């Protein structure tokens, strides 16, 4: 067993194509989209200092989407990726949380990119939220159902912005 530390944005070994953020290394030969997402995340980390915070925020948004209902239909991609992970021999030793994180990783990276480089320079939280949902719709080629203040994306981007401090709920009318 070799214990290494890696930056927060590194989730896999590109040389061996193994997911390393689990109790067992997971081969990624059947998940090329995860490898591509890691390459995009590496590029983001080179350009932005706040990658760790943005990555954590994106992961929490995706987890909240999973728990509260998806505002965008990813019902095909995630089960497909989970099926490919569960088909691996090593999957029996992988926790459900680790499997779901791996399955959602490409979407987490996409959200991380939008958090670090918002599609609009608007200071108004509503405009930022609407521009971000429009960009998500474009990138996923699906309609993003804007849920207003019930949307985890809205709560994270508009109501509880870390860099500017919390925005009062009365100042955001969605």
C-alpha atoms as a PDB file:
ATOM      1  CA  UNK A   1       0.000   0.000   0.000  1.00  0.00           C
ATOM      2  CA  UNK A   2       1.303   3.415  -0.958  1.00  0.00           C
ATOM      3  CA  UNK A   3      -0.119   6.500   0.686  1.00  0.00           C
ATOM      4  CA  UNK A   4       0.225   9.731  -1.234  1.00  0.00           C
ATOM      5  CA  UNK A   5      -1.222  13.167  -0.939  1.00  0.00           C
ATOM      6  CA  UNK A   6      -2.513  14.912  -3.984  1.00  0.00           C
ATOM      7  CA  UNK A   7      -4.121  18.296  -4.591  1.00  0.00           C
ATOM      8  CA  UNK A   8      -7.860  18.554  -3.987  1.00  0.00           C
ATOM      9  CA  UNK A   9      -8.586  18.723  -7.700  1.00  0.00           C
ATOM     10  CA  UNK A  10      -6.770  15.466  -8.573  1.00  0.00           C
ATOM     11  CA  UNK A  11      -9.146  12.518  -8.462  1.00  0.00           C
ATOM     12  CA  UNK A  12      -7.374   9.997 -10.637  1.00  0.00           C
ATOM     13  CA  UNK A  13      -4.030   8.745 -11.828  1.00  0.00           C
ATOM     14  CA  UNK A  14      -3.901   9.637 -15.522  1.00  0.00           C
ATOM     15  CA  UNK A  15      -1.001   7.286 -16.209  1.00  0.00           C
ATOM     16  CA  UNK A  16      -2.789   4.218 -14.879  1.00  0.00           C
ATOM     17  CA  UNK A  17      -6.317   5.514 -15.537  1.00  0.00           C
ATOM     18  CA  UNK A  18      -7.430   4.747 -11.992  1.00  0.00           C
ATOM     19  CA  UNK A  19      -9.881   6.699  -9.822  1.00  0.00           C
ATOM     20  CA  UNK A  20      -7.979   7.203  -6.574  1.00  0.00           C
ATOM     21  CA  UNK A  21     -10.631   8.969  -4.464  1.00  0.00           C
ATOM     22  CA  UNK A  22     -12.124   5.787  -3.058  1.00  0.00           C
ATOM     23  CA  UNK A  23     -11.169   3.014  -0.680  1.00  0.00           C
ATOM     24  CA  UNK A  24     -10.144   0.982  -3.747  1.00  0.00           C
ATOM     25  CA  UNK A  25      -8.658   2.226  -6.982  1.00  0.00           C
ATOM     26  CA  UNK A  26     -11.265   2.016  -9.727  1.00  0.00           C
ATOM     27  CA  UNK A  27     -10.194   1.363 -13.328  1.00  0.00           C
ATOM     28  CA  UNK A  28     -11.564   4.033 -15.647  1.00  0.00           C
ATOM     29  CA  UNK A  29     -11.180   2.309 -18.997  1.00  0.00           C
ATOM     30  CA  UNK A  30     -14.982   2.055 -19.232  1.00  0.00           C
ATOM     31  CA  UNK A  31     -15.447   5.703 -18.159  1.00  0.00           C
ATOM     32  CA  UNK A  32     -13.548   7.923 -20.636  1.00  0.00           C
ATOM     33  CA  UNK A  33     -15.783  10.899 -19.779  1.00  0.00           C
ATOM     34  CA  UNK A  34     -14.366  10.860 -16.238  1.00  0.00           C
ATOM     35  CA  UNK A  35     -10.814  11.001 -17.585  1.00  0.00           C
ATOM     36  CA  UNK A  36     -11.773  13.903 -19.865  1.00  0.00           C
ATOM     37  CA  UNK A  37     -13.401  15.705 -16.927  1.00  0.00           C
ATOM     38  CA  UNK A  38     -10.189  15.335 -14.902  1.00  0.00           C
ATOM     39  CA  UNK A  39      -8.216  16.909 -17.767  1.00  0.00           C
ATOM     40  CA  UNK A  40     -10.628  19.877 -17.779  1.00  0.00           C
ATOM     41  CA  UNK A  41     -10.341  20.170 -14.003  1.00  0.00           C
ATOM     42  CA  UNK A  42      -6.538  20.196 -14.241  1.00  0.00           C
ATOM     43  CA  UNK A  43      -6.776  23.093 -16.705  1.00  0.00           C
ATOM     44  CA  UNK A  44      -9.111  24.978 -14.372  1.00  0.00           C
ATOM     45  CA  UNK A  45      -6.770  24.443 -11.433  1.00  0.00           C
ATOM     46  CA  UNK A  46      -3.889  25.946 -13.403  1.00  0.00           C
ATOM     47  CA  UNK A  47      -5.947  29.079 -14.155  1.00  0.00           C
ATOM     48  CA  UNK A  48      -7.841  29.594 -10.882  1.00  0.00           C
ATOM     49  CA  UNK A  49      -6.748  29.640  -7.249  1.00  0.00           C
ATOM     50  CA  UNK A  50     -10.176  28.907  -5.776  1.00  0.00           C
ATOM     51  CA  UNK A  51     -10.596  25.517  -7.467  1.00  0.00           C
ATOM     52  CA  UNK A  52     -10.972  23.614  -4.196  1.00  0.00           C
ATOM     53  CA  UNK A  53     -13.819  25.822  -2.944  1.00  0.00           C
ATOM     54  CA  UNK A  54     -15.564  25.802  -6.320  1.00  0.00           C
ATOM     55  CA  UNK A  55     -15.195  22.015  -6.575  1.00  0.00           C
ATOM     56  CA  UNK A  56     -16.649  21.554  -3.080  1.00  0.00           C
ATOM     57  CA  UNK A  57     -19.549  23.877  -3.901  1.00  0.00           C
ATOM     58  CA  UNK A  58     -20.259  22.057  -7.185  1.00  0.00           C
ATOM     59  CA  UNK A  59     -20.172  18.685  -5.431  1.00  0.00           C
ATOM     60  CA  UNK A  60     -22.644  19.902  -2.802  1.00  0.00           C
ATOM     61  CA  UNK A  61     -24.985  21.270  -5.481  1.00  0.00           C
ATOM     62  CA  UNK A  62     -24.946  17.950  -7.327  1.00  0.00           C
ATOM     63  CA  UNK A  63     -25.537  16.051  -4.070  1.00  0.00           C
ATOM     64  CA  UNK A  64     -28.484  18.341  -3.305  1.00  0.00           C
ATOM     65  CA  UNK A  65     -29.816  17.795  -6.822  1.00  0.00           C
ATOM     66  CA  UNK A  66     -29.685  14.041  -6.232  1.00  0.00           C
ATOM     67  CA  UNK A  67     -31.468  14.336  -2.905  1.00  0.00           C
ATOM     68  CA  UNK A  68     -34.148  16.874  -3.862  1.00  0.00           C
ATOM     69  CA  UNK A  69     -34.889  16.197  -7.502  1.00  0.00           C
ATOM     70  CA  UNK A  70     -32.978  17.105 -10.601  1.00  0.00           C
ATOM     71  CA  UNK A  71     -33.716  20.420 -12.309  1.00  0.00           C
ATOM     72  CA  UNK A  72     -32.109  18.942 -15.433  1.00  0.00           C
ATOM     73  CA  UNK A  73     -32.679  15.434 -16.743  1.00  0.00           C
ATOM     74  CA  UNK A  74     -29.490  13.435 -16.190  1.00  0.00           C
ATOM     75  CA  UNK A  75     -31.476  10.261 -15.607  1.00  0.00           C
ATOM     76  CA  UNK A  76     -29.666   8.473 -18.404  1.00  0.00           C
ATOM     77  CA  UNK A  77     -26.010   9.397 -17.810  1.00  0.00           C
ATOM     78  CA  UNK A  78     -25.680   8.672 -14.109  1.00  0.00           C
ATOM     79  CA  UNK A  79     -27.348   5.235 -14.103  1.00  0.00           C
ATOM     80  CA  UNK A  80     -25.288   4.326 -17.175  1.00  0.00           C
ATOM     81  CA  UNK A  81     -22.031   5.307 -15.427  1.00  0.00           C
ATOM     82  CA  UNK A  82     -23.096   3.593 -12.202  1.00  0.00           C
ATOM     83  CA  UNK A  83     -23.823   0.435 -14.193  1.00  0.00           C
ATOM     84  CA  UNK A  84     -20.362   0.521 -15.742  1.00  0.00           C
ATOM     85  CA  UNK A  85     -18.784   0.981 -12.294  1.00  0.00           C
ATOM     86  CA  UNK A  86     -20.855  -1.804 -10.746  1.00  0.00           C
ATOM     87  CA  UNK A  87     -19.830  -4.158 -13.558  1.00  0.00           C
ATOM     88  CA  UNK A  88     -16.221  -3.951 -12.328  1.00  0.00           C
ATOM     89  CA  UNK A  89     -14.924  -6.660 -10.006  1.00  0.00           C
ATOM     90  CA  UNK A  90     -13.633  -4.069  -7.534  1.00  0.00           C
ATOM     91  CA  UNK A  91     -17.061  -2.427  -7.177  1.00  0.00           C
ATOM     92  CA  UNK A  92     -18.163  -4.626  -4.272  1.00  0.00           C
ATOM     93  CA  UNK A  93     -15.664  -2.864  -2.013  1.00  0.00           C
ATOM     94  CA  UNK A  94     -16.674   0.645  -3.075  1.00  0.00           C
ATOM     95  CA  UNK A  95     -19.152   2.612  -0.990  1.00  0.00           C
ATOM     96  CA  UNK A  96     -22.353   3.885  -2.578  1.00  0.00           C
ATOM     97  CA  UNK A  97     -21.210   7.453  -1.881  1.00  0.00           C
ATOM     98  CA  UNK A  98     -17.945   6.913  -3.769  1.00  0.00           C
ATOM     99  CA  UNK A  99     -19.765   5.293  -6.694  1.00  0.00           C
ATOM    100  CA  UNK A 100     -22.242   8.165  -6.964  1.00  0.00           C
ATOM    101  CA  UNK A 101     -19.425  10.754  -6.735  1.00  0.00           C
ATOM    102  CA  UNK A 102     -17.625   8.998  -9.581  1.00  0.00           C
ATOM    103  CA  UNK A 103     -20.802   8.804 -11.672  1.00  0.00           C
ATOM    104  CA  UNK A 104     -21.494  12.527 -11.206  1.00  0.00           C
ATOM    105  CA  UNK A 105     -17.887  13.691 -11.612  1.00  0.00           C
ATOM    106  CA  UNK A 106     -18.189  15.083 -15.179  1.00  0.00           C
ATOM    107  CA  UNK A 107     -21.190  17.197 -14.134  1.00  0.00           C
ATOM    108  CA  UNK A 108     -19.386  18.325 -10.975  1.00  0.00           C
ATOM    109  CA  UNK A 109     -16.468  19.502 -13.106  1.00  0.00           C
ATOM    110  CA  UNK A 110     -18.813  21.346 -15.474  1.00  0.00           C
ATOM    111  CA  UNK A 111     -20.420  23.161 -12.528  1.00  0.00           C
ATOM    112  CA  UNK A 112     -16.984  23.917 -11.082  1.00  0.00           C
ATOM    113  CA  UNK A 113     -16.076  25.587 -14.357  1.00  0.00           C
ATOM    114  CA  UNK A 114     -19.251  27.701 -14.285  1.00  0.00           C
ATOM    115  CA  UNK A 115     -18.600  28.708 -10.678  1.00  0.00           C
ATOM    116  CA  UNK A 116     -15.024  29.747 -11.424  1.00  0.00           C
ATOM    117  CA  UNK A 117     -15.871  31.449 -14.716  1.00  0.00           C
ATOM    118  CA  UNK A 118     -19.522  32.511 -14.576  1.00  0.00           C
ATOM    119  CA  UNK A 119     -21.303  32.910 -17.916  1.00  0.00           C
ATOM    120  CA  UNK A 120     -22.307  36.458 -16.963  1.00  0.00           C
ATOM    121  CA  UNK A 121     -20.529  39.285 -15.222  1.00  0.00           C
ATOM    122  CA  UNK A 122     -23.796  40.457 -13.721  1.00  0.00           C
ATOM    123  CA  UNK A 123     -23.710  41.522 -10.114  1.00  0.00           C
ATOM    124  CA  UNK A 124     -27.413  40.844  -9.706  1.00  0.00           C
ATOM    125  CA  UNK A 125     -27.833  37.340  -8.221  1.00  0.00           C
ATOM    126  CA  UNK A 126     -30.967  36.687 -10.262  1.00  0.00           C
ATOM    127  CA  UNK A 127     -29.193  37.509 -13.538  1.00  0.00           C
ATOM    128  CA  UNK A 128     -26.226  35.326 -12.553  1.00  0.00           C
ATOM    129  CA  UNK A 129     -28.517  32.416 -11.691  1.00  0.00           C
ATOM    130  CA  UNK A 130     -30.515  32.720 -14.920  1.00  0.00           C
ATOM    131  CA  UNK A 131     -27.357  33.011 -17.047  1.00  0.00           C
ATOM    132  CA  UNK A 132     -25.880  29.956 -15.319  1.00  0.00           C
ATOM    133  CA  UNK A 133     -29.021  27.859 -15.821  1.00  0.00           C
ATOM    134  CA  UNK A 134     -29.141  28.904 -19.483  1.00  0.00           C
ATOM    135  CA  UNK A 135     -25.514  27.859 -19.897  1.00  0.00           C
ATOM    136  CA  UNK A 136     -26.196  24.510 -18.185  1.00  0.00           C
ATOM    137  CA  UNK A 137     -29.110  23.949 -20.568  1.00  0.00           C
ATOM    138  CA  UNK A 138     -26.841  24.695 -23.503  1.00  0.00           C
ATOM    139  CA  UNK A 139     -24.003  22.451 -22.310  1.00  0.00           C
ATOM    140  CA  UNK A 140     -26.258  19.526 -21.424  1.00  0.00           C
ATOM    141  CA  UNK A 141     -28.516  20.094 -24.463  1.00  0.00           C
ATOM    142  CA  UNK A 142     -31.514  19.769 -22.135  1.00  0.00           C
ATOM    143  CA  UNK A 143     -33.864  22.203 -20.487  1.00  0.00           C
ATOM    144  CA  UNK A 144     -32.845  23.294 -16.999  1.00  0.00           C
ATOM    145  CA  UNK A 145     -35.995  23.792 -14.980  1.00  0.00           C
ATOM    146  CA  UNK A 146     -35.377  26.922 -12.932  1.00  0.00           C
ATOM    147  CA  UNK A 147     -36.772  26.292  -9.489  1.00  0.00           C
ATOM    148  CA  UNK A 148     -35.970  29.646  -7.972  1.00  0.00           C
ATOM    149  CA  UNK A 149     -34.968  29.675  -4.332  1.00  0.00           C
ATOM    150  CA  UNK A 150     -35.728  25.945  -4.005  1.00  0.00           C
ATOM    151  CA  UNK A 151     -32.929  25.131  -6.448  1.00  0.00           C
ATOM    152  CA  UNK A 152     -29.627  24.154  -4.751  1.00  0.00           C
ATOM    153  CA  UNK A 153     -27.802  26.071  -7.480  1.00  0.00           C
ATOM    154  CA  UNK A 154     -29.731  29.235  -6.646  1.00  0.00           C
ATOM    155  CA  UNK A 155     -29.127  28.789  -2.927  1.00  0.00           C
ATOM    156  CA  UNK A 156     -25.382  28.405  -3.434  1.00  0.00           C
ATOM    157  CA  UNK A 157     -24.887  31.052  -6.131  1.00  0.00           C
ATOM    158  CA  UNK A 158     -27.365  33.678  -5.008  1.00  0.00           C
ATOM    159  CA  UNK A 159     -28.458  33.360  -1.426  1.00  0.00           C
ATOM    160  CA  UNK A 160     -25.230  32.245   0.228  1.00  0.00           C
ATOM    161  CA  UNK A 161     -22.384  33.611  -1.859  1.00  0.00           C
ATOM    162  CA  UNK A 162     -19.104  33.047  -0.022  1.00  0.00           C
ATOM    163  CA  UNK A 163     -17.055  35.840  -1.556  1.00  0.00           C
ATOM    164  CA  UNK A 164     -19.540  38.650  -0.948  1.00  0.00           C
ATOM    165  CA  UNK A 165     -21.078  37.299   2.201  1.00  0.00           C
ATOM    166  CA  UNK A 166     -24.633  36.056   2.449  1.00  0.00           C
ATOM    167  CA  UNK A 167     -27.215  37.819   0.360  1.00  0.00           C
ATOM    168  CA  UNK A 168     -30.470  38.419   2.153  1.00  0.00           C
ATOM    169  CA  UNK A 169     -33.424  36.449   0.858  1.00  0.00           C
ATOM    170  CA  UNK A 170     -35.404  39.644   0.457  1.00  0.00           C
ATOM    171  CA  UNK A 171     -32.901  40.953  -2.103  1.00  0.00           C
ATOM    172  CA  UNK A 172     -33.428  37.950  -4.380  1.00  0.00           C
ATOM    173  CA  UNK A 173     -36.848  37.580  -5.930  1.00  0.00           C
ATOM    174  CA  UNK A 174     -36.964  34.668  -8.295  1.00  0.00           C
END
